[in-house]
N, C-alpha and C. Protein backbone atom coordinates (compact mmCIF):
# COMPACT_ATOMS: atom_id res chain seq x y z
N MET A 1 -40.52 80.80 52.34
CA MET A 1 -40.12 80.43 51.01
C MET A 1 -41.07 80.98 49.96
N THR A 2 -42.03 81.72 50.31
CA THR A 2 -43.04 82.19 49.39
C THR A 2 -42.44 82.98 48.26
N GLY A 3 -42.24 82.31 47.10
CA GLY A 3 -41.77 82.99 45.91
C GLY A 3 -40.31 83.39 45.92
N ALA A 4 -39.54 82.99 46.90
CA ALA A 4 -38.14 83.37 46.96
C ALA A 4 -37.35 82.67 45.86
N ALA A 5 -36.43 83.39 45.21
CA ALA A 5 -35.61 82.79 44.17
C ALA A 5 -34.61 81.82 44.78
N THR A 6 -34.07 82.15 45.91
CA THR A 6 -33.14 81.28 46.62
C THR A 6 -33.83 80.74 47.87
N PRO A 7 -33.88 79.40 47.99
CA PRO A 7 -34.54 78.84 49.18
C PRO A 7 -33.88 79.30 50.47
N ASP A 8 -34.66 79.45 51.50
CA ASP A 8 -34.17 79.80 52.83
C ASP A 8 -33.83 78.50 53.56
N TYR A 9 -32.60 78.02 53.38
CA TYR A 9 -32.18 76.73 53.93
C TYR A 9 -32.24 76.72 55.45
N GLU A 10 -31.97 77.82 56.09
CA GLU A 10 -32.03 77.85 57.55
C GLU A 10 -33.48 77.69 58.02
N GLN A 11 -34.42 78.31 57.35
CA GLN A 11 -35.82 78.13 57.71
C GLN A 11 -36.28 76.70 57.45
N ILE A 12 -35.85 76.13 56.33
CA ILE A 12 -36.19 74.73 56.05
C ILE A 12 -35.59 73.83 57.12
N ARG A 13 -34.34 74.07 57.51
CA ARG A 13 -33.69 73.27 58.56
C ARG A 13 -34.49 73.33 59.85
N LYS A 14 -34.88 74.53 60.26
CA LYS A 14 -35.65 74.68 61.50
C LYS A 14 -36.97 73.94 61.44
N THR A 15 -37.64 74.00 60.31
CA THR A 15 -38.93 73.32 60.16
C THR A 15 -38.76 71.81 60.14
N VAL A 16 -37.86 71.31 59.30
CA VAL A 16 -37.64 69.87 59.17
C VAL A 16 -37.09 69.29 60.48
N ASP A 17 -36.28 70.06 61.17
CA ASP A 17 -35.64 69.58 62.40
C ASP A 17 -36.66 69.23 63.49
N THR A 18 -37.81 69.85 63.47
CA THR A 18 -38.81 69.60 64.52
C THR A 18 -40.06 68.90 63.98
N LEU A 19 -40.03 68.45 62.75
CA LEU A 19 -41.21 67.89 62.09
C LEU A 19 -41.60 66.50 62.59
N VAL A 20 -40.64 65.65 62.91
CA VAL A 20 -40.92 64.24 63.23
C VAL A 20 -40.93 64.05 64.74
N PRO A 21 -42.08 63.68 65.31
CA PRO A 21 -42.18 63.53 66.77
C PRO A 21 -41.14 62.57 67.37
N PHE A 22 -40.87 61.44 66.71
CA PHE A 22 -39.91 60.49 67.26
C PHE A 22 -38.50 61.09 67.34
N VAL A 23 -38.11 61.83 66.33
CA VAL A 23 -36.78 62.47 66.33
C VAL A 23 -36.70 63.47 67.48
N ASN A 24 -37.79 64.20 67.71
CA ASN A 24 -37.83 65.13 68.84
C ASN A 24 -37.71 64.39 70.17
N LEU A 25 -38.39 63.27 70.30
CA LEU A 25 -38.33 62.48 71.53
C LEU A 25 -36.92 62.02 71.83
N VAL A 26 -36.22 61.55 70.80
CA VAL A 26 -34.88 61.02 70.98
C VAL A 26 -33.85 62.13 71.18
N GLY A 27 -34.05 63.26 70.51
CA GLY A 27 -33.13 64.39 70.68
C GLY A 27 -32.08 64.55 69.60
N VAL A 28 -32.18 63.79 68.51
CA VAL A 28 -31.28 63.99 67.38
C VAL A 28 -31.66 65.31 66.73
N ARG A 29 -30.67 66.14 66.42
CA ARG A 29 -30.93 67.47 65.85
C ARG A 29 -30.21 67.63 64.52
N MET A 30 -30.88 68.28 63.57
CA MET A 30 -30.25 68.64 62.31
C MET A 30 -29.59 70.00 62.53
N THR A 31 -28.29 70.05 62.39
CA THR A 31 -27.56 71.27 62.69
C THR A 31 -27.15 72.06 61.45
N GLU A 32 -27.15 71.39 60.30
CA GLU A 32 -26.77 72.06 59.05
C GLU A 32 -27.65 71.51 57.92
N LEU A 33 -27.99 72.39 56.98
CA LEU A 33 -28.75 71.96 55.80
C LEU A 33 -28.41 72.88 54.66
N GLY A 34 -28.14 72.29 53.51
CA GLY A 34 -27.84 73.07 52.31
C GLY A 34 -28.44 72.38 51.10
N PRO A 35 -28.10 72.84 49.91
CA PRO A 35 -28.67 72.27 48.70
C PRO A 35 -28.07 70.90 48.37
N GLY A 36 -28.51 69.87 49.10
CA GLY A 36 -28.04 68.52 48.80
C GLY A 36 -27.23 67.86 49.89
N SER A 37 -27.05 68.53 51.01
CA SER A 37 -26.33 67.92 52.12
C SER A 37 -26.90 68.44 53.44
N ALA A 38 -26.71 67.63 54.47
CA ALA A 38 -27.18 68.02 55.79
C ALA A 38 -26.36 67.28 56.84
N VAL A 39 -26.36 67.82 58.04
CA VAL A 39 -25.67 67.22 59.18
C VAL A 39 -26.65 67.09 60.33
N ALA A 40 -26.66 65.91 60.94
CA ALA A 40 -27.46 65.67 62.13
C ALA A 40 -26.53 65.25 63.25
N GLU A 41 -26.88 65.63 64.48
CA GLU A 41 -26.02 65.30 65.64
C GLU A 41 -26.79 64.51 66.68
N ILE A 42 -26.09 63.56 67.25
CA ILE A 42 -26.58 62.82 68.41
C ILE A 42 -25.96 63.48 69.62
N PRO A 43 -26.76 63.96 70.56
CA PRO A 43 -26.18 64.61 71.74
C PRO A 43 -25.47 63.58 72.63
N GLU A 44 -24.52 64.06 73.37
CA GLU A 44 -23.80 63.20 74.30
C GLU A 44 -24.60 63.11 75.60
N THR A 45 -25.46 62.11 75.68
CA THR A 45 -26.27 61.89 76.88
C THR A 45 -26.32 60.40 77.18
N PRO A 46 -26.48 60.04 78.46
CA PRO A 46 -26.59 58.61 78.81
C PRO A 46 -27.77 57.93 78.13
N ALA A 47 -28.83 58.67 77.81
CA ALA A 47 -30.01 58.07 77.17
C ALA A 47 -29.70 57.51 75.78
N MET A 48 -28.63 57.96 75.16
CA MET A 48 -28.26 57.47 73.83
C MET A 48 -27.40 56.21 73.88
N SER A 49 -27.07 55.76 75.07
CA SER A 49 -26.12 54.65 75.24
C SER A 49 -26.81 53.29 75.26
N ASN A 50 -26.01 52.28 74.96
CA ASN A 50 -26.44 50.91 75.16
C ASN A 50 -25.90 50.43 76.51
N HIS A 51 -26.04 49.16 76.79
CA HIS A 51 -25.59 48.61 78.08
C HIS A 51 -24.08 48.58 78.24
N LEU A 52 -23.34 48.83 77.15
CA LEU A 52 -21.88 48.84 77.21
C LEU A 52 -21.31 50.26 77.34
N GLY A 53 -22.20 51.26 77.35
CA GLY A 53 -21.76 52.64 77.49
C GLY A 53 -21.36 53.31 76.19
N THR A 54 -21.63 52.65 75.05
CA THR A 54 -21.37 53.29 73.76
C THR A 54 -22.71 53.73 73.17
N VAL A 55 -22.65 54.57 72.14
CA VAL A 55 -23.88 55.07 71.52
C VAL A 55 -24.61 53.90 70.86
N HIS A 56 -25.90 53.80 71.12
CA HIS A 56 -26.73 52.72 70.61
C HIS A 56 -26.81 52.78 69.08
N ALA A 57 -26.78 51.62 68.45
CA ALA A 57 -26.85 51.54 66.98
C ALA A 57 -28.13 52.20 66.45
N GLY A 58 -29.22 52.10 67.19
CA GLY A 58 -30.46 52.74 66.75
C GLY A 58 -30.33 54.25 66.67
N ALA A 59 -29.61 54.84 67.62
CA ALA A 59 -29.38 56.29 67.59
C ALA A 59 -28.49 56.65 66.40
N LEU A 60 -27.49 55.82 66.12
CA LEU A 60 -26.62 56.07 64.97
C LEU A 60 -27.42 56.02 63.67
N PHE A 61 -28.27 55.01 63.54
CA PHE A 61 -29.09 54.90 62.34
C PHE A 61 -30.02 56.10 62.21
N LEU A 62 -30.66 56.49 63.30
CA LEU A 62 -31.59 57.62 63.25
C LEU A 62 -30.87 58.89 62.79
N ALA A 63 -29.68 59.14 63.29
CA ALA A 63 -28.93 60.32 62.87
C ALA A 63 -28.62 60.26 61.38
N ALA A 64 -28.27 59.08 60.88
CA ALA A 64 -27.98 58.92 59.45
C ALA A 64 -29.22 59.21 58.62
N GLU A 65 -30.36 58.70 59.06
CA GLU A 65 -31.61 58.90 58.31
C GLU A 65 -32.04 60.37 58.36
N VAL A 66 -31.89 61.01 59.50
CA VAL A 66 -32.23 62.43 59.62
C VAL A 66 -31.33 63.27 58.70
N ALA A 67 -30.05 62.94 58.65
CA ALA A 67 -29.13 63.69 57.79
C ALA A 67 -29.49 63.54 56.32
N CYS A 68 -29.83 62.32 55.89
CA CYS A 68 -30.18 62.11 54.49
C CYS A 68 -31.54 62.72 54.15
N ALA A 69 -32.50 62.62 55.04
CA ALA A 69 -33.79 63.27 54.82
C ALA A 69 -33.61 64.79 54.73
N GLY A 70 -32.72 65.32 55.55
CA GLY A 70 -32.41 66.75 55.47
C GLY A 70 -31.77 67.11 54.15
N ALA A 71 -30.85 66.27 53.68
CA ALA A 71 -30.21 66.51 52.39
C ALA A 71 -31.25 66.53 51.27
N PHE A 72 -32.21 65.60 51.35
CA PHE A 72 -33.30 65.60 50.38
C PHE A 72 -34.08 66.91 50.44
N SER A 73 -34.39 67.37 51.64
CA SER A 73 -35.12 68.63 51.81
C SER A 73 -34.37 69.78 51.17
N GLY A 74 -33.06 69.77 51.28
CA GLY A 74 -32.25 70.83 50.66
C GLY A 74 -32.30 70.79 49.15
N VAL A 75 -32.24 69.59 48.57
CA VAL A 75 -32.28 69.46 47.11
C VAL A 75 -33.67 69.83 46.57
N ILE A 76 -34.69 69.36 47.25
CA ILE A 76 -36.05 69.52 46.76
C ILE A 76 -36.67 70.85 47.20
N ALA A 77 -35.90 71.70 47.85
CA ALA A 77 -36.40 72.95 48.42
C ALA A 77 -37.32 73.74 47.49
N PRO A 78 -36.98 73.92 46.22
CA PRO A 78 -37.88 74.70 45.36
C PRO A 78 -39.26 74.07 45.18
N ARG A 79 -39.37 72.76 45.46
CA ARG A 79 -40.66 72.06 45.30
C ARG A 79 -41.09 71.36 46.59
N ILE A 80 -40.53 71.77 47.70
CA ILE A 80 -40.76 71.05 48.96
C ILE A 80 -42.25 71.00 49.35
N LEU A 81 -43.01 71.99 48.98
CA LEU A 81 -44.43 72.00 49.32
C LEU A 81 -45.24 71.02 48.46
N HIS A 82 -44.62 70.42 47.46
CA HIS A 82 -45.31 69.46 46.60
C HIS A 82 -44.98 68.02 46.95
N VAL A 83 -44.17 67.79 47.98
CA VAL A 83 -43.82 66.41 48.37
C VAL A 83 -45.06 65.74 48.96
N ARG A 84 -45.50 64.68 48.30
CA ARG A 84 -46.64 63.90 48.81
C ARG A 84 -46.17 62.72 49.65
N THR A 85 -45.10 62.07 49.20
CA THR A 85 -44.55 60.92 49.90
C THR A 85 -43.03 60.95 49.80
N PHE A 86 -42.39 60.68 50.91
CA PHE A 86 -40.94 60.48 50.95
C PHE A 86 -40.74 59.38 51.97
N VAL A 87 -40.43 58.19 51.50
CA VAL A 87 -40.41 57.03 52.40
C VAL A 87 -39.13 56.22 52.19
N LEU A 88 -38.61 55.72 53.29
CA LEU A 88 -37.42 54.87 53.26
C LEU A 88 -37.84 53.47 52.84
N ARG A 89 -37.17 52.94 51.82
CA ARG A 89 -37.47 51.59 51.32
C ARG A 89 -36.49 50.54 51.82
N GLY A 90 -35.25 50.92 51.95
CA GLY A 90 -34.24 49.95 52.34
C GLY A 90 -32.99 50.64 52.83
N THR A 91 -32.17 49.87 53.53
CA THR A 91 -30.95 50.46 54.09
C THR A 91 -29.89 49.38 54.33
N ARG A 92 -28.66 49.84 54.40
CA ARG A 92 -27.54 48.98 54.78
C ARG A 92 -26.60 49.82 55.63
N ALA A 93 -26.32 49.34 56.80
CA ALA A 93 -25.44 50.06 57.72
C ALA A 93 -24.19 49.23 57.98
N THR A 94 -23.05 49.88 57.95
CA THR A 94 -21.78 49.24 58.29
C THR A 94 -21.17 50.03 59.44
N PHE A 95 -20.95 49.36 60.56
CA PHE A 95 -20.38 49.99 61.74
C PHE A 95 -18.92 49.59 61.86
N PHE A 96 -18.04 50.58 62.01
CA PHE A 96 -16.61 50.33 62.02
C PHE A 96 -16.00 50.27 63.41
N ARG A 97 -16.56 51.03 64.34
CA ARG A 97 -16.04 51.07 65.71
C ARG A 97 -17.11 51.56 66.66
N PRO A 98 -16.97 51.27 67.93
CA PRO A 98 -17.95 51.78 68.90
C PRO A 98 -17.93 53.31 68.94
N ALA A 99 -19.11 53.88 69.11
CA ALA A 99 -19.24 55.34 69.16
C ALA A 99 -19.36 55.78 70.60
N ARG A 100 -18.65 56.83 70.92
CA ARG A 100 -18.72 57.44 72.25
C ARG A 100 -18.84 58.95 72.09
N GLY A 101 -19.59 59.57 72.98
CA GLY A 101 -19.71 61.02 72.94
C GLY A 101 -20.63 61.49 71.83
N ARG A 102 -20.42 62.75 71.45
CA ARG A 102 -21.24 63.36 70.40
C ARG A 102 -20.88 62.75 69.05
N VAL A 103 -21.89 62.49 68.23
CA VAL A 103 -21.70 61.91 66.90
C VAL A 103 -22.37 62.82 65.88
N ARG A 104 -21.66 63.03 64.76
CA ARG A 104 -22.19 63.84 63.65
C ARG A 104 -22.37 62.94 62.44
N ALA A 105 -23.57 63.00 61.85
CA ALA A 105 -23.87 62.26 60.63
C ALA A 105 -23.98 63.26 59.49
N SER A 106 -23.17 63.09 58.45
CA SER A 106 -23.21 63.94 57.27
C SER A 106 -23.91 63.17 56.16
N GLY A 107 -25.02 63.72 55.65
CA GLY A 107 -25.80 63.01 54.65
C GLY A 107 -25.88 63.72 53.33
N THR A 108 -25.95 62.93 52.27
CA THR A 108 -26.17 63.42 50.91
C THR A 108 -27.19 62.51 50.23
N VAL A 109 -27.82 63.01 49.19
CA VAL A 109 -28.73 62.20 48.38
C VAL A 109 -28.39 62.38 46.91
N SER A 110 -28.77 61.37 46.12
CA SER A 110 -28.54 61.48 44.68
C SER A 110 -29.57 60.64 43.92
N SER A 111 -29.78 61.06 42.70
CA SER A 111 -30.65 60.37 41.76
C SER A 111 -30.27 60.88 40.38
N PRO A 112 -30.29 60.01 39.38
CA PRO A 112 -29.93 60.49 38.04
C PRO A 112 -30.90 61.53 37.49
N ILE A 113 -32.11 61.61 38.03
CA ILE A 113 -33.10 62.55 37.49
C ILE A 113 -33.46 63.68 38.45
N LEU A 114 -32.85 63.70 39.63
CA LEU A 114 -33.27 64.64 40.67
C LEU A 114 -33.22 66.09 40.22
N ALA A 115 -32.14 66.51 39.59
CA ALA A 115 -32.03 67.91 39.15
C ALA A 115 -33.13 68.26 38.15
N ASP A 116 -33.43 67.34 37.23
CA ASP A 116 -34.49 67.59 36.25
C ASP A 116 -35.85 67.68 36.92
N VAL A 117 -36.10 66.81 37.90
CA VAL A 117 -37.38 66.78 38.61
C VAL A 117 -37.64 68.10 39.30
N VAL A 118 -36.62 68.64 39.94
CA VAL A 118 -36.77 69.91 40.67
C VAL A 118 -37.17 71.03 39.71
N GLY A 119 -36.64 71.00 38.49
CA GLY A 119 -36.92 72.06 37.53
C GLY A 119 -38.27 71.96 36.84
N ARG A 120 -38.86 70.78 36.86
CA ARG A 120 -40.17 70.59 36.22
C ARG A 120 -41.28 70.83 37.24
N GLY A 121 -42.44 71.13 36.77
CA GLY A 121 -43.58 71.32 37.66
C GLY A 121 -44.58 70.18 37.58
N THR A 122 -44.18 69.08 36.98
CA THR A 122 -45.08 67.96 36.77
C THR A 122 -45.09 67.00 37.96
N GLU A 123 -46.12 66.17 38.01
CA GLU A 123 -46.17 65.12 39.01
C GLU A 123 -45.07 64.11 38.70
N GLU A 124 -44.38 63.68 39.73
CA GLU A 124 -43.22 62.79 39.54
C GLU A 124 -43.19 61.73 40.62
N GLN A 125 -42.77 60.53 40.25
CA GLN A 125 -42.46 59.47 41.21
C GLN A 125 -41.09 58.95 40.84
N PHE A 126 -40.20 58.84 41.83
CA PHE A 126 -38.84 58.43 41.53
C PHE A 126 -38.16 57.87 42.77
N ASP A 127 -37.08 57.15 42.53
CA ASP A 127 -36.24 56.61 43.59
C ASP A 127 -35.00 57.47 43.72
N LEU A 128 -34.44 57.49 44.92
CA LEU A 128 -33.17 58.15 45.12
C LEU A 128 -32.42 57.44 46.23
N THR A 129 -31.13 57.68 46.29
CA THR A 129 -30.29 57.05 47.30
C THR A 129 -29.70 58.11 48.21
N GLY A 130 -29.45 57.70 49.44
CA GLY A 130 -28.78 58.55 50.41
C GLY A 130 -27.56 57.86 50.95
N LYS A 131 -26.60 58.64 51.37
CA LYS A 131 -25.40 58.09 51.99
C LYS A 131 -25.05 58.98 53.18
N ALA A 132 -24.84 58.36 54.32
CA ALA A 132 -24.44 59.10 55.51
C ALA A 132 -23.15 58.52 56.06
N LEU A 133 -22.27 59.41 56.45
CA LEU A 133 -21.03 59.04 57.12
C LEU A 133 -21.10 59.61 58.53
N LEU A 134 -20.81 58.77 59.52
CA LEU A 134 -20.90 59.18 60.92
C LEU A 134 -19.51 59.25 61.52
N HIS A 135 -19.22 60.38 62.17
CA HIS A 135 -17.91 60.63 62.77
C HIS A 135 -18.06 61.06 64.22
N ASP A 136 -17.04 60.78 65.01
CA ASP A 136 -17.02 61.31 66.38
C ASP A 136 -16.27 62.63 66.38
N ASP A 137 -16.12 63.24 67.56
CA ASP A 137 -15.48 64.56 67.63
C ASP A 137 -14.01 64.54 67.23
N SER A 138 -13.37 63.38 67.27
CA SER A 138 -11.96 63.30 66.85
C SER A 138 -11.85 63.17 65.33
N GLY A 139 -12.99 62.97 64.65
CA GLY A 139 -12.98 62.81 63.20
C GLY A 139 -12.94 61.36 62.76
N ALA A 140 -12.91 60.43 63.69
CA ALA A 140 -12.86 59.01 63.34
C ALA A 140 -14.18 58.59 62.69
N LEU A 141 -14.07 57.82 61.61
CA LEU A 141 -15.25 57.30 60.93
C LEU A 141 -15.82 56.15 61.76
N LEU A 142 -17.07 56.29 62.16
CA LEU A 142 -17.73 55.30 63.01
C LEU A 142 -18.61 54.35 62.20
N ALA A 143 -19.29 54.88 61.19
CA ALA A 143 -20.23 54.07 60.43
C ALA A 143 -20.53 54.72 59.09
N LYS A 144 -21.02 53.89 58.19
CA LYS A 144 -21.49 54.34 56.88
C LYS A 144 -22.87 53.71 56.70
N VAL A 145 -23.84 54.53 56.29
CA VAL A 145 -25.21 54.04 56.10
C VAL A 145 -25.67 54.43 54.71
N ASP A 146 -26.11 53.42 53.95
CA ASP A 146 -26.69 53.64 52.62
C ASP A 146 -28.20 53.47 52.74
N LEU A 147 -28.95 54.41 52.15
CA LEU A 147 -30.41 54.40 52.26
C LEU A 147 -31.03 54.50 50.88
N GLU A 148 -32.16 53.83 50.69
CA GLU A 148 -32.91 53.88 49.44
C GLU A 148 -34.29 54.44 49.75
N TYR A 149 -34.66 55.48 49.01
CA TYR A 149 -35.94 56.17 49.23
C TYR A 149 -36.81 56.13 47.99
N PHE A 150 -38.11 56.32 48.21
CA PHE A 150 -39.09 56.55 47.15
C PHE A 150 -39.70 57.92 47.42
N CYS A 151 -39.88 58.70 46.35
CA CYS A 151 -40.49 60.03 46.48
C CYS A 151 -41.59 60.19 45.45
N TRP A 152 -42.66 60.85 45.88
CA TRP A 152 -43.78 61.21 45.00
C TRP A 152 -44.02 62.70 45.19
N LEU A 153 -43.87 63.44 44.09
CA LEU A 153 -44.14 64.88 44.09
C LEU A 153 -45.43 65.14 43.33
N GLY A 154 -46.26 66.01 43.88
CA GLY A 154 -47.45 66.47 43.17
C GLY A 154 -47.06 67.54 42.17
N ALA A 155 -47.93 67.80 41.24
CA ALA A 155 -47.70 68.84 40.25
C ALA A 155 -47.67 70.21 40.91
N ALA A 156 -46.84 71.08 40.37
CA ALA A 156 -46.73 72.45 40.93
C ALA A 156 -47.91 73.30 40.52
């Protein structure tokens, strides 16, 4: 990304995808990342299951959080090297049906000031929200997760 006018979203995806040790341990992968959206996948493995043979709620939540964190990385790409803190403050998950097989979480983030923050080079602290929708391979909506984050950017 050194001085590039257009962020290299694929490079950011590769870096962010392997950044968190716990995500690597579990095996959730970020498969897509763009300017404000991302997709994370839960692999179809027995390790992701609960005692009933469906995907564990913890795995579903992790995929939602990875997708929204990825979406943030896409939005903040021009200033990604200035991120000092990006922390989850709160969340609400609604599960609609049991999940089986591969699950895809599509995440987005928003904030009324986010676009302005990216364009400025000043130190900033702000809140933003994320929303993830989780679907199975048939396209059925499995869950919706709302996330609240705090971000602190250093001056450019």
